[in-house]
């Protein structure tokens, strides 16, 4: 389990990586590029999250009777962000991002003809520090590969229950850790739209590396697929 001290050390390491990415960039930094993006995140959580669903079903059995089962599935949310890209060569550079994204999971809980959907909605402000590779010769359309660590800060955690056309929600802020760590791997395409601008499409996978639950019994980490589109602009001459 990550302690507060370990979390602060990881935060300092990420800050140091960002500083090294920018330090000594010289002419390359002057040709940096700024971009923003938005899209859909298909969130899911592994580990002991199936057991959490079973506990929810057991609570309903104790409260209402019957034989309740829970099936875990992905939860669709939005993600938006901005980044600054520092090229170190024509094919390689560092990309520092800030993004706001919804992660989480949902459970379809049923017993006979009775059904309910329970959604865990986890909102994070995250700072990805990514290595960006664009292989091949420079052209109007280029493949882009991304890989690097992510530090996340919890912005909100809620549980929403929907059944029979009715819904209710509850705050779960105390059930989830305030800081998480993960990694992003992605592939995308940039297409020039002008002399100093480009349109981008990306598919990303986020892998949680720390337990998102603030719990001694259960452990769960996110595993999400995201699809994003955005624009990129050159800052140099």
Foldseek 3Di string as FASTA:
>chain_A
DDDPVNLVVVVVVVVVVVVVQPPPLPPQLQFKKKKKKKFKKFKFKDFCVLVVQVVVQVVCCVVPNARKHKDKGTDMWMKIKMWIWRDNDQFKGKIKMWMKIWHWIKIWMDGVPWIKIKTKIWIKTKIWIWIWGWDDDDDQKTKIKIKTKMKIFTPFIKMWMDTPNDIDMDGPVVFFDGMWMWMKIKMKMWGDPDPFKTKIKMKMWIWTPAFGTPDPPTGMIMTMIIIMIIMMGTNHD
